[in-house]
Each structure stands twice: as C-alpha cells, then as structure tokens.
Amino acid sequence: WHLYLRRLRISIAVGDSLAVFLCGLSMAITPGKAGELLKSVLLRRRAGVPLTTSAPVVLAERLTDGLAMMGLALTGLLLYRQAVLPIAGLFVIFLAIIALSQAPWVRHRLLPWLQGHPRLSLRAAEIGRLYASARVLLAPRLLLLAVAIGLVSWSGECLAFYLVLHGLGLGSGGTLLVQGAFVLAVSTLVGSASLSPGGLGSAEASSAALLVGVTGVALSTAVAATLLIRLCTLWFGVSVGLTALWLYRGRVGGWQQPVVA
C-alpha cells in the first residue's frame, strides 16, 4: 500500500498511511472489497489527493492479490484438475487489464478519443489521472514486486489453514499444506469473483466442497475448517479495521476536508 503511494508521489506520513490502510480493512466484507475505496476518500481528506489518482491503488491491490492466490493454487490445480477453467478465465481477465494499462495504442489513441468524447470531455482530467496511476502501478517490475509481496502475505493464511486442518485431525506434511493452499486460494478467488459481500456464501461453499473433494474428509469437518479459517482471516481483518476506525476516529474527523474533486 505505502509503496504504491510512494510510486504515485502521494506525500503522506507513514503513520497516516498505516491508519488509512487499517481503516480500509473494515470494508473487506463489501462486494469485491470495493468498499476499500474508503481509503481513497480518507487520502483525499488527509492530503487533498484526487480520488481518480488513488483509486487505481485499490484495483492494483486486488489484481496482485488475485495473481498471488493463483500462484499459490497452481500446484493444486496441476494435481487435482479442479476449478481450472474458472481460474484460467480470471487469469486471462487480469492479464487483459494489465496489458491495456501498458499498451501504447491505449495511451496514444483510445485515451485521447475518450477524453474528446462529447459526454466525457468534462471528465478528461479524471480519466487521465485514472489511466496514469494504473499505468504506473501495473508496470511489469512493480507488478512482479507486488505479487511477490502478496505471495508471502497470502502464504501466511495458507499456513493458518494448514494448522486448522491439522488441528481437526487431517494429518500433517507437505501434501496437506498443498491441499490447504489450493482450497483456500481457489475458494477466495471464487468468493471475490462472485461479488457477494466478502465472498460470503460462495467462498464458504466452494471451500467446503473442495476440501471434501481433494482430502476425502467428512462434510461436517470441512464445514468446521472453513468456518474457523474465515473467522481467523476475514472476520479478524474486519475487526482490525473497525478497531482502527474507532481508534483513529479523532484523526479521521480532524483531517482536512476535500480540496480536490
């Protein structure tokens, strides 16, 4: 998050940046985590940063999270051959978005055409800022670095899921770790793609079904494992975000009012 802000030359103290990031976790249960645009709103109040400049940061976070989860699911996809087509479809969509952000014809032809369109001409500056930010954030070197950070971050959740499965008596070892990473990664992607709030329902259903399919565990155990990991990840994150909103309520309320639309 803070690396992205620095690359966009958004000047904000590390403490304020951390506060904004933590407050954004409270929106993790919105469809596709779109509510995390709250971070852009807070940045505008704190430093007068236009929403169209910082909003691509949230998009870049979601893209790199998705690519990291696909990387963690890769071994399981090759071994179990489940959910290959949906994940491949998501991967193609992600690549298309990245390619469009870097394509010269978009910058030299499509963008000027959009900015000159009668219905969009009044928003020419906003369109330009959106594209400029996306182009910087999705550049190959920064993208690879962000995905690498995501792999490390999401590996922690996969390890947590492994510990849950081990605690429920599914054994131990590398095979269970691969199975846990595969199930968690795929179910998280399914939940995000469903656009339900926080992936509720779809993520849990796919996780339980995949656990039964790849480990042969009883459905009741699969459901218990799913609910435990969701409590320790999704709902823990939301609680951190809500706590941050409460702790920083004075700071948020005291931040300057928006000065740029």
C-alpha atoms as a PDB file:
ATOM      1  CA  TRP A   1       0.000   0.000   0.000  1.00  0.00           C
ATOM      2  CA  HIS A   2       2.607   2.523   1.043  1.00  0.00           C
ATOM      3  CA  LEU A   3       4.935   1.504  -1.796  1.00  0.00           C
ATOM      4  CA  TYR A   4       2.139   2.242  -4.266  1.00  0.00           C
ATOM      5  CA  LEU A   5       1.517   5.647  -2.709  1.00  0.00           C
ATOM      6  CA  ARG A   6       5.212   6.488  -2.994  1.00  0.00           C
ATOM      7  CA  ARG A   7       5.303   5.441  -6.645  1.00  0.00           C
ATOM      8  CA  LEU A   8       2.378   7.786  -7.313  1.00  0.00           C
ATOM      9  CA  ARG A   9       4.260  10.563  -5.486  1.00  0.00           C
ATOM     10  CA  ILE A  10       1.499  10.865  -2.899  1.00  0.00           C
ATOM     11  CA  SER A  11       3.058  12.593   0.100  1.00  0.00           C
ATOM     12  CA  ILE A  12       1.711  11.216   3.371  1.00  0.00           C
ATOM     13  CA  ALA A  13       3.365  10.299   6.660  1.00  0.00           C
ATOM     14  CA  VAL A  14       3.873   6.592   7.291  1.00  0.00           C
ATOM     15  CA  GLY A  15       1.661   6.764  10.402  1.00  0.00           C
ATOM     16  CA  ASP A  16      -1.207   8.342   8.472  1.00  0.00           C
ATOM     17  CA  SER A  17      -0.723   5.847   5.642  1.00  0.00           C
ATOM     18  CA  LEU A  18      -0.944   2.970   8.115  1.00  0.00           C
ATOM     19  CA  ALA A  19      -4.080   4.446   9.673  1.00  0.00           C
ATOM     20  CA  VAL A  20      -5.760   4.726   6.265  1.00  0.00           C
ATOM     21  CA  PHE A  21      -4.778   1.180   5.334  1.00  0.00           C
ATOM     22  CA  LEU A  22      -6.057  -0.332   8.577  1.00  0.00           C
ATOM     23  CA  CYS A  23      -9.342   1.584   8.342  1.00  0.00           C
ATOM     24  CA  GLY A  24      -9.799   0.137   4.874  1.00  0.00           C
ATOM     25  CA  LEU A  25      -9.857  -3.386   6.304  1.00  0.00           C
ATOM     26  CA  SER A  26     -13.286  -2.627   7.746  1.00  0.00           C
ATOM     27  CA  MET A  27     -14.617  -2.718   4.175  1.00  0.00           C
ATOM     28  CA  ALA A  28     -13.397  -6.257   3.451  1.00  0.00           C
ATOM     29  CA  ILE A  29     -16.967  -7.583   3.538  1.00  0.00           C
ATOM     30  CA  THR A  30     -18.164  -5.336   0.705  1.00  0.00           C
ATOM     31  CA  PRO A  31     -18.691  -6.889  -2.772  1.00  0.00           C
ATOM     32  CA  GLY A  32     -15.272  -7.441  -4.337  1.00  0.00           C
ATOM     33  CA  LYS A  33     -13.836  -5.358  -1.470  1.00  0.00           C
ATOM     34  CA  ALA A  34     -14.972  -2.314  -3.461  1.00  0.00           C
ATOM     35  CA  GLY A  35     -15.677  -0.577  -0.171  1.00  0.00           C
ATOM     36  CA  GLU A  36     -11.930  -0.300   0.333  1.00  0.00           C
ATOM     37  CA  LEU A  37     -12.218   2.803  -1.831  1.00  0.00           C
ATOM     38  CA  LEU A  38     -12.800   4.310   1.604  1.00  0.00           C
ATOM     39  CA  LYS A  39      -9.003   4.527   1.678  1.00  0.00           C
ATOM     40  CA  SER A  40      -9.093   6.864  -1.318  1.00  0.00           C
ATOM     41  CA  VAL A  41     -11.708   9.011   0.410  1.00  0.00           C
ATOM     42  CA  LEU A  42      -9.544   9.258   3.526  1.00  0.00           C
ATOM     43  CA  LEU A  43      -6.489  10.110   1.428  1.00  0.00           C
ATOM     44  CA  ARG A  44      -8.434  12.919  -0.194  1.00  0.00           C
ATOM     45  CA  ARG A  45      -9.434  14.281   3.207  1.00  0.00           C
ATOM     46  CA  ARG A  46      -5.918  13.945   4.593  1.00  0.00           C
ATOM     47  CA  ALA A  47      -3.809  15.221   1.715  1.00  0.00           C
ATOM     48  CA  GLY A  48      -6.177  16.509  -0.950  1.00  0.00           C
ATOM     49  CA  VAL A  49      -5.336  13.586  -3.269  1.00  0.00           C
ATOM     50  CA  PRO A  50      -7.942  13.243  -6.059  1.00  0.00           C
ATOM     51  CA  LEU A  51      -9.948  10.034  -5.897  1.00  0.00           C
ATOM     52  CA  THR A  52      -9.052   9.325  -9.515  1.00  0.00           C
ATOM     53  CA  THR A  53      -5.354   9.345  -8.608  1.00  0.00           C
ATOM     54  CA  SER A  54      -5.524   6.943  -5.667  1.00  0.00           C
ATOM     55  CA  ALA A  55      -8.445   4.674  -6.660  1.00  0.00           C
ATOM     56  CA  PRO A  56      -6.222   2.606  -9.016  1.00  0.00           C
ATOM     57  CA  VAL A  57      -4.204   1.615  -5.940  1.00  0.00           C
ATOM     58  CA  VAL A  58      -7.190  -0.402  -4.702  1.00  0.00           C
ATOM     59  CA  LEU A  59      -7.557  -2.001  -8.136  1.00  0.00           C
ATOM     60  CA  ALA A  60      -3.847  -2.848  -8.222  1.00  0.00           C
ATOM     61  CA  GLU A  61      -4.089  -4.412  -4.756  1.00  0.00           C
ATOM     62  CA  ARG A  62      -6.940  -6.645  -5.882  1.00  0.00           C
ATOM     63  CA  LEU A  63      -5.138  -7.669  -9.073  1.00  0.00           C
ATOM     64  CA  THR A  64      -1.903  -8.537  -7.318  1.00  0.00           C
ATOM     65  CA  ASP A  65      -3.794 -10.383  -4.586  1.00  0.00           C
ATOM     66  CA  GLY A  66      -5.551 -12.423  -7.261  1.00  0.00           C
ATOM     67  CA  LEU A  67      -2.321 -13.234  -9.099  1.00  0.00           C
ATOM     68  CA  ALA A  68      -0.654 -14.245  -5.829  1.00  0.00           C
ATOM     69  CA  MET A  69      -3.560 -16.542  -4.971  1.00  0.00           C
ATOM     70  CA  MET A  70      -3.351 -18.115  -8.434  1.00  0.00           C
ATOM     71  CA  GLY A  71       0.336 -18.751  -7.845  1.00  0.00           C
ATOM     72  CA  LEU A  72      -0.419 -20.461  -4.528  1.00  0.00           C
ATOM     73  CA  ALA A  73      -3.173 -22.531  -6.143  1.00  0.00           C
ATOM     74  CA  LEU A  74      -1.029 -23.596  -9.106  1.00  0.00           C
ATOM     75  CA  THR A  75       0.335 -26.824  -7.612  1.00  0.00           C
ATOM     76  CA  GLY A  76      -3.143 -27.923  -6.571  1.00  0.00           C
ATOM     77  CA  LEU A  77      -4.580 -27.015  -9.969  1.00  0.00           C
ATOM     78  CA  LEU A  78      -1.994 -29.234 -11.649  1.00  0.00           C
ATOM     79  CA  LEU A  79      -2.547 -32.092  -9.201  1.00  0.00           C
ATOM     80  CA  TYR A  80      -6.310 -32.117  -8.774  1.00  0.00           C
ATOM     81  CA  ARG A  81      -7.546 -30.555 -12.014  1.00  0.00           C
ATOM     82  CA  GLN A  82     -10.454 -28.871 -10.246  1.00  0.00           C
ATOM     83  CA  ALA A  83     -11.604 -25.302 -10.967  1.00  0.00           C
ATOM     84  CA  VAL A  84      -9.042 -24.999 -13.789  1.00  0.00           C
ATOM     85  CA  LEU A  85     -11.342 -23.261 -16.283  1.00  0.00           C
ATOM     86  CA  PRO A  86     -12.724 -20.571 -13.913  1.00  0.00           C
ATOM     87  CA  ILE A  87      -9.235 -19.744 -12.614  1.00  0.00           C
ATOM     88  CA  ALA A  88      -7.847 -19.652 -16.158  1.00  0.00           C
ATOM     89  CA  GLY A  89     -10.671 -17.288 -17.111  1.00  0.00           C
ATOM     90  CA  LEU A  90      -9.839 -14.955 -14.235  1.00  0.00           C
ATOM     91  CA  PHE A  91      -6.168 -15.082 -15.182  1.00  0.00           C
ATOM     92  CA  VAL A  92      -6.969 -14.025 -18.745  1.00  0.00           C
ATOM     93  CA  ILE A  93      -9.081 -11.118 -17.462  1.00  0.00           C
ATOM     94  CA  PHE A  94      -6.266  -9.987 -15.165  1.00  0.00           C
ATOM     95  CA  LEU A  95      -3.731 -10.172 -17.982  1.00  0.00           C
ATOM     96  CA  ALA A  96      -6.048  -8.193 -20.258  1.00  0.00           C
ATOM     97  CA  ILE A  97      -6.373  -5.395 -17.696  1.00  0.00           C
ATOM     98  CA  ILE A  98      -2.605  -5.268 -17.209  1.00  0.00           C
ATOM     99  CA  ALA A  99      -1.947  -5.308 -20.945  1.00  0.00           C
ATOM    100  CA  LEU A 100      -4.426  -2.487 -21.573  1.00  0.00           C
ATOM    101  CA  SER A 101      -2.772  -0.341 -18.923  1.00  0.00           C
ATOM    102  CA  GLN A 102       0.577  -0.645 -20.698  1.00  0.00           C
ATOM    103  CA  ALA A 103      -0.444  -0.711 -24.386  1.00  0.00           C
ATOM    104  CA  PRO A 104       0.831   2.313 -26.370  1.00  0.00           C
ATOM    105  CA  TRP A 105      -2.320   2.438 -28.519  1.00  0.00           C
ATOM    106  CA  VAL A 106      -4.434   2.943 -25.409  1.00  0.00           C
ATOM    107  CA  ARG A 107      -2.314   5.896 -24.334  1.00  0.00           C
ATOM    108  CA  HIS A 108      -1.998   7.479 -27.793  1.00  0.00           C
ATOM    109  CA  ARG A 109      -5.361   6.661 -29.381  1.00  0.00           C
ATOM    110  CA  LEU A 110      -8.053   5.337 -27.043  1.00  0.00           C
ATOM    111  CA  LEU A 111      -7.383   7.727 -24.150  1.00  0.00           C
ATOM    112  CA  PRO A 112      -7.420  10.896 -26.318  1.00  0.00           C
ATOM    113  CA  TRP A 113     -10.602   9.655 -28.008  1.00  0.00           C
ATOM    114  CA  LEU A 114     -12.315   9.099 -24.635  1.00  0.00           C
ATOM    115  CA  GLN A 115     -11.188  12.490 -23.364  1.00  0.00           C
ATOM    116  CA  GLY A 116     -12.519  14.147 -26.516  1.00  0.00           C
ATOM    117  CA  HIS A 117     -15.886  12.378 -26.471  1.00  0.00           C
ATOM    118  CA  PRO A 118     -18.728  14.897 -26.011  1.00  0.00           C
ATOM    119  CA  ARG A 119     -20.144  13.091 -22.992  1.00  0.00           C
ATOM    120  CA  LEU A 120     -16.770  12.538 -21.357  1.00  0.00           C
ATOM    121  CA  SER A 121     -14.890  15.727 -22.204  1.00  0.00           C
ATOM    122  CA  LEU A 122     -15.791  17.312 -18.863  1.00  0.00           C
ATOM    123  CA  ARG A 123     -14.117  14.343 -17.166  1.00  0.00           C
ATOM    124  CA  ALA A 124     -10.975  14.424 -19.305  1.00  0.00           C
ATOM    125  CA  ALA A 125      -8.694  15.267 -16.361  1.00  0.00           C
ATOM    126  CA  GLU A 126     -10.163  12.491 -14.199  1.00  0.00           C
ATOM    127  CA  ILE A 127      -9.812   9.929 -16.997  1.00  0.00           C
ATOM    128  CA  GLY A 128      -6.211  10.980 -17.492  1.00  0.00           C
ATOM    129  CA  ARG A 129      -5.379  10.606 -13.789  1.00  0.00           C
ATOM    130  CA  LEU A 130      -7.025   7.189 -13.587  1.00  0.00           C
ATOM    131  CA  TYR A 131      -5.048   5.885 -16.525  1.00  0.00           C
ATOM    132  CA  ALA A 132      -1.769   7.484 -15.460  1.00  0.00           C
ATOM    133  CA  SER A 133      -1.974   5.909 -11.999  1.00  0.00           C
ATOM    134  CA  ALA A 134      -2.953   2.490 -13.371  1.00  0.00           C
ATOM    135  CA  ARG A 135      -0.089   2.594 -15.866  1.00  0.00           C
ATOM    136  CA  VAL A 136       2.466   3.298 -13.133  1.00  0.00           C
ATOM    137  CA  LEU A 137       1.115   0.714 -10.677  1.00  0.00           C
ATOM    138  CA  LEU A 138       0.786  -2.117 -13.213  1.00  0.00           C
ATOM    139  CA  ALA A 139       4.195  -1.640 -14.820  1.00  0.00           C
ATOM    140  CA  PRO A 140       5.995  -5.026 -15.021  1.00  0.00           C
ATOM    141  CA  ARG A 141       8.710  -4.504 -12.390  1.00  0.00           C
ATOM    142  CA  LEU A 142       6.403  -3.046  -9.749  1.00  0.00           C
ATOM    143  CA  LEU A 143       3.766  -5.656 -10.572  1.00  0.00           C
ATOM    144  CA  LEU A 144       6.208  -8.513 -10.000  1.00  0.00           C
ATOM    145  CA  LEU A 145       7.359  -6.993  -6.714  1.00  0.00           C
ATOM    146  CA  ALA A 146       3.765  -6.553  -5.520  1.00  0.00           C
ATOM    147  CA  VAL A 147       2.855 -10.140  -6.476  1.00  0.00           C
ATOM    148  CA  ALA A 148       5.927 -11.398  -4.602  1.00  0.00           C
ATOM    149  CA  ILE A 149       4.790  -9.485  -1.501  1.00  0.00           C
ATOM    150  CA  GLY A 150       1.321 -10.958  -1.992  1.00  0.00           C
ATOM    151  CA  LEU A 151       2.724 -14.481  -2.182  1.00  0.00           C
ATOM    152  CA  VAL A 152       4.449 -14.004   1.162  1.00  0.00           C
ATOM    153  CA  SER A 153       1.366 -12.416   2.717  1.00  0.00           C
ATOM    154  CA  TRP A 154      -1.171 -14.959   1.497  1.00  0.00           C
ATOM    155  CA  SER A 155       1.184 -17.836   2.347  1.00  0.00           C
ATOM    156  CA  GLY A 156       0.564 -16.873   5.964  1.00  0.00           C
ATOM    157  CA  GLU A 157      -3.155 -17.520   5.531  1.00  0.00           C
ATOM    158  CA  CYS A 158      -2.436 -20.829   3.790  1.00  0.00           C
ATOM    159  CA  LEU A 159      -0.238 -21.846   6.701  1.00  0.00           C
ATOM    160  CA  ALA A 160      -3.034 -20.862   9.097  1.00  0.00           C
ATOM    161  CA  PHE A 161      -5.451 -23.067   7.143  1.00  0.00           C
ATOM    162  CA  TYR A 162      -2.963 -25.936   7.296  1.00  0.00           C
ATOM    163  CA  LEU A 163      -2.827 -25.566  11.093  1.00  0.00           C
ATOM    164  CA  VAL A 164      -6.635 -25.615  11.255  1.00  0.00           C
ATOM    165  CA  LEU A 165      -6.767 -28.792   9.155  1.00  0.00           C
ATOM    166  CA  HIS A 166      -4.022 -30.387  11.222  1.00  0.00           C
ATOM    167  CA  GLY A 167      -5.860 -29.486  14.419  1.00  0.00           C
ATOM    168  CA  LEU A 168      -9.017 -31.139  13.100  1.00  0.00           C
ATOM    169  CA  GLY A 169      -7.150 -34.408  12.600  1.00  0.00           C
ATOM    170  CA  LEU A 170      -6.384 -34.370   8.873  1.00  0.00           C
ATOM    171  CA  GLY A 171      -2.747 -35.261   9.472  1.00  0.00           C
ATOM    172  CA  SER A 172       0.319 -33.240   8.575  1.00  0.00           C
ATOM    173  CA  GLY A 173       3.014 -32.869   5.965  1.00  0.00           C
ATOM    174  CA  GLY A 174       3.562 -31.314   2.567  1.00  0.00           C
ATOM    175  CA  THR A 175       0.538 -32.902   0.919  1.00  0.00           C
ATOM    176  CA  LEU A 176      -1.875 -31.366   3.415  1.00  0.00           C
ATOM    177  CA  LEU A 177      -0.128 -27.999   3.042  1.00  0.00           C
ATOM    178  CA  VAL A 178      -0.577 -28.111  -0.749  1.00  0.00           C
ATOM    179  CA  GLN A 179      -4.199 -29.144  -0.353  1.00  0.00           C
ATOM    180  CA  GLY A 180      -4.881 -26.367   2.129  1.00  0.00           C
ATOM    181  CA  ALA A 181      -3.219 -23.733  -0.059  1.00  0.00           C
ATOM    182  CA  PHE A 182      -5.161 -24.941  -3.105  1.00  0.00           C
ATOM    183  CA  VAL A 183      -8.526 -24.930  -1.338  1.00  0.00           C
ATOM    184  CA  LEU A 184      -8.008 -21.564   0.356  1.00  0.00           C
ATOM    185  CA  ALA A 185      -6.700 -19.861  -2.776  1.00  0.00           C
ATOM    186  CA  VAL A 186      -9.408 -21.160  -5.110  1.00  0.00           C
ATOM    187  CA  SER A 187     -12.283 -20.536  -2.690  1.00  0.00           C
ATOM    188  CA  THR A 188     -11.015 -16.989  -2.043  1.00  0.00           C
ATOM    189  CA  LEU A 189     -10.899 -16.311  -5.787  1.00  0.00           C
ATOM    190  CA  VAL A 190     -14.381 -17.778  -6.240  1.00  0.00           C
ATOM    191  CA  GLY A 191     -15.672 -15.602  -3.423  1.00  0.00           C
ATOM    192  CA  SER A 192     -14.144 -12.480  -4.959  1.00  0.00           C
ATOM    193  CA  ALA A 193     -15.476 -13.301  -8.425  1.00  0.00           C
ATOM    194  CA  SER A 194     -18.982 -13.839  -7.062  1.00  0.00           C
ATOM    195  CA  LEU A 195     -19.079 -10.171  -5.953  1.00  0.00           C
ATOM    196  CA  SER A 196     -21.054 -11.159  -2.874  1.00  0.00           C
ATOM    197  CA  PRO A 197     -20.129  -9.142   0.258  1.00  0.00           C
ATOM    198  CA  GLY A 198     -16.782 -10.535   1.386  1.00  0.00           C
ATOM    199  CA  GLY A 199     -17.443 -13.581  -0.783  1.00  0.00           C
ATOM    200  CA  LEU A 200     -19.920 -14.722   1.860  1.00  0.00           C
ATOM    201  CA  GLY A 201     -21.641 -17.948   0.925  1.00  0.00           C
ATOM    202  CA  SER A 202     -19.733 -18.644  -2.274  1.00  0.00           C
ATOM    203  CA  ALA A 203     -16.292 -18.773  -0.634  1.00  0.00           C
ATOM    204  CA  GLU A 204     -17.516 -20.989   2.206  1.00  0.00           C
ATOM    205  CA  ALA A 205     -19.435 -23.348  -0.101  1.00  0.00           C
ATOM    206  CA  SER A 206     -16.533 -23.747  -2.523  1.00  0.00           C
ATOM    207  CA  SER A 207     -14.054 -24.246   0.322  1.00  0.00           C
ATOM    208  CA  ALA A 208     -16.101 -26.994   1.944  1.00  0.00           C
ATOM    209  CA  ALA A 209     -16.774 -28.714  -1.392  1.00  0.00           C
ATOM    210  CA  LEU A 210     -13.114 -28.595  -2.442  1.00  0.00           C
ATOM    211  CA  LEU A 211     -11.966 -29.919   0.934  1.00  0.00           C
ATOM    212  CA  VAL A 212     -14.264 -32.910   0.590  1.00  0.00           C
ATOM    213  CA  GLY A 213     -13.131 -33.417  -2.998  1.00  0.00           C
ATOM    214  CA  VAL A 214      -9.366 -33.300  -2.502  1.00  0.00           C
ATOM    215  CA  THR A 215      -8.975 -34.698   1.030  1.00  0.00           C
ATOM    216  CA  GLY A 216     -11.984 -37.019   1.351  1.00  0.00           C
ATOM    217  CA  VAL A 217     -12.802 -35.544   4.763  1.00  0.00           C
ATOM    218  CA  ALA A 218     -16.378 -35.640   6.079  1.00  0.00           C
ATOM    219  CA  LEU A 219     -18.547 -32.674   5.133  1.00  0.00           C
ATOM    220  CA  SER A 220     -19.031 -31.689   8.779  1.00  0.00           C
ATOM    221  CA  THR A 221     -15.278 -31.451   9.284  1.00  0.00           C
ATOM    222  CA  ALA A 222     -14.872 -29.492   6.044  1.00  0.00           C
ATOM    223  CA  VAL A 223     -17.527 -27.011   7.145  1.00  0.00           C
ATOM    224  CA  ALA A 224     -15.894 -26.625  10.569  1.00  0.00           C
ATOM    225  CA  ALA A 225     -12.487 -25.986   8.978  1.00  0.00           C
ATOM    226  CA  THR A 226     -13.987 -23.440   6.595  1.00  0.00           C
ATOM    227  CA  LEU A 227     -15.778 -21.508   9.322  1.00  0.00           C
ATOM    228  CA  LEU A 228     -12.664 -21.477  11.514  1.00  0.00           C
ATOM    229  CA  ILE A 229     -10.373 -20.122   8.805  1.00  0.00           C
ATOM    230  CA  ARG A 230     -12.923 -17.493   7.766  1.00  0.00           C
ATOM    231  CA  LEU A 231     -13.195 -16.383  11.387  1.00  0.00           C
ATOM    232  CA  CYS A 232      -9.425 -16.156  11.703  1.00  0.00           C
ATOM    233  CA  THR A 233      -8.883 -14.309   8.422  1.00  0.00           C
ATOM    234  CA  LEU A 234     -11.879 -12.401   7.004  1.00  0.00           C
ATOM    235  CA  TRP A 235     -13.618 -11.567  10.264  1.00  0.00           C
ATOM    236  CA  PHE A 236     -10.364 -10.936  12.114  1.00  0.00           C
ATOM    237  CA  GLY A 237      -9.406  -8.447   9.398  1.00  0.00           C
ATOM    238  CA  VAL A 238     -12.774  -6.728   9.617  1.00  0.00           C
ATOM    239  CA  SER A 239     -12.429  -6.460  13.400  1.00  0.00           C
ATOM    240  CA  VAL A 240      -8.985  -4.882  12.967  1.00  0.00           C
ATOM    241  CA  GLY A 241     -10.482  -2.371  10.523  1.00  0.00           C
ATOM    242  CA  LEU A 242     -13.376  -1.478  12.797  1.00  0.00           C
ATOM    243  CA  THR A 243     -10.983  -1.089  15.727  1.00  0.00           C
ATOM    244  CA  ALA A 244      -8.795   1.200  13.618  1.00  0.00           C
ATOM    245  CA  LEU A 245     -11.806   3.323  12.665  1.00  0.00           C
ATOM    246  CA  TRP A 246     -12.620   3.708  16.353  1.00  0.00           C
ATOM    247  CA  LEU A 247      -9.016   4.405  17.424  1.00  0.00           C
ATOM    248  CA  TYR A 248      -8.426   6.905  14.643  1.00  0.00           C
ATOM    249  CA  ARG A 249     -11.861   8.498  14.742  1.00  0.00           C
ATOM    250  CA  GLY A 250     -10.385  11.720  16.104  1.00  0.00           C
ATOM    251  CA  ARG A 251      -7.702  11.773  13.461  1.00  0.00           C
ATOM    252  CA  VAL A 252     -10.153  10.979  10.680  1.00  0.00           C
ATOM    253  CA  GLY A 253     -12.553  13.634  11.900  1.00  0.00           C
ATOM    254  CA  GLY A 254      -9.728  16.138  12.196  1.00  0.00           C
ATOM    255  CA  TRP A 255      -8.314  15.605   8.737  1.00  0.00           C
ATOM    256  CA  GLN A 256      -8.812  18.455   6.315  1.00  0.00           C
ATOM    257  CA  GLN A 257     -11.920  18.476   4.175  1.00  0.00           C
ATOM    258  CA  PRO A 258     -11.648  17.542   0.492  1.00  0.00           C
ATOM    259  CA  VAL A 259      -9.997  20.209  -1.579  1.00  0.00           C
ATOM    260  CA  VAL A 260      -9.919  18.355  -4.896  1.00  0.00           C
ATOM    261  CA  ALA A 261     -12.867  16.578  -6.539  1.00  0.00           C
END
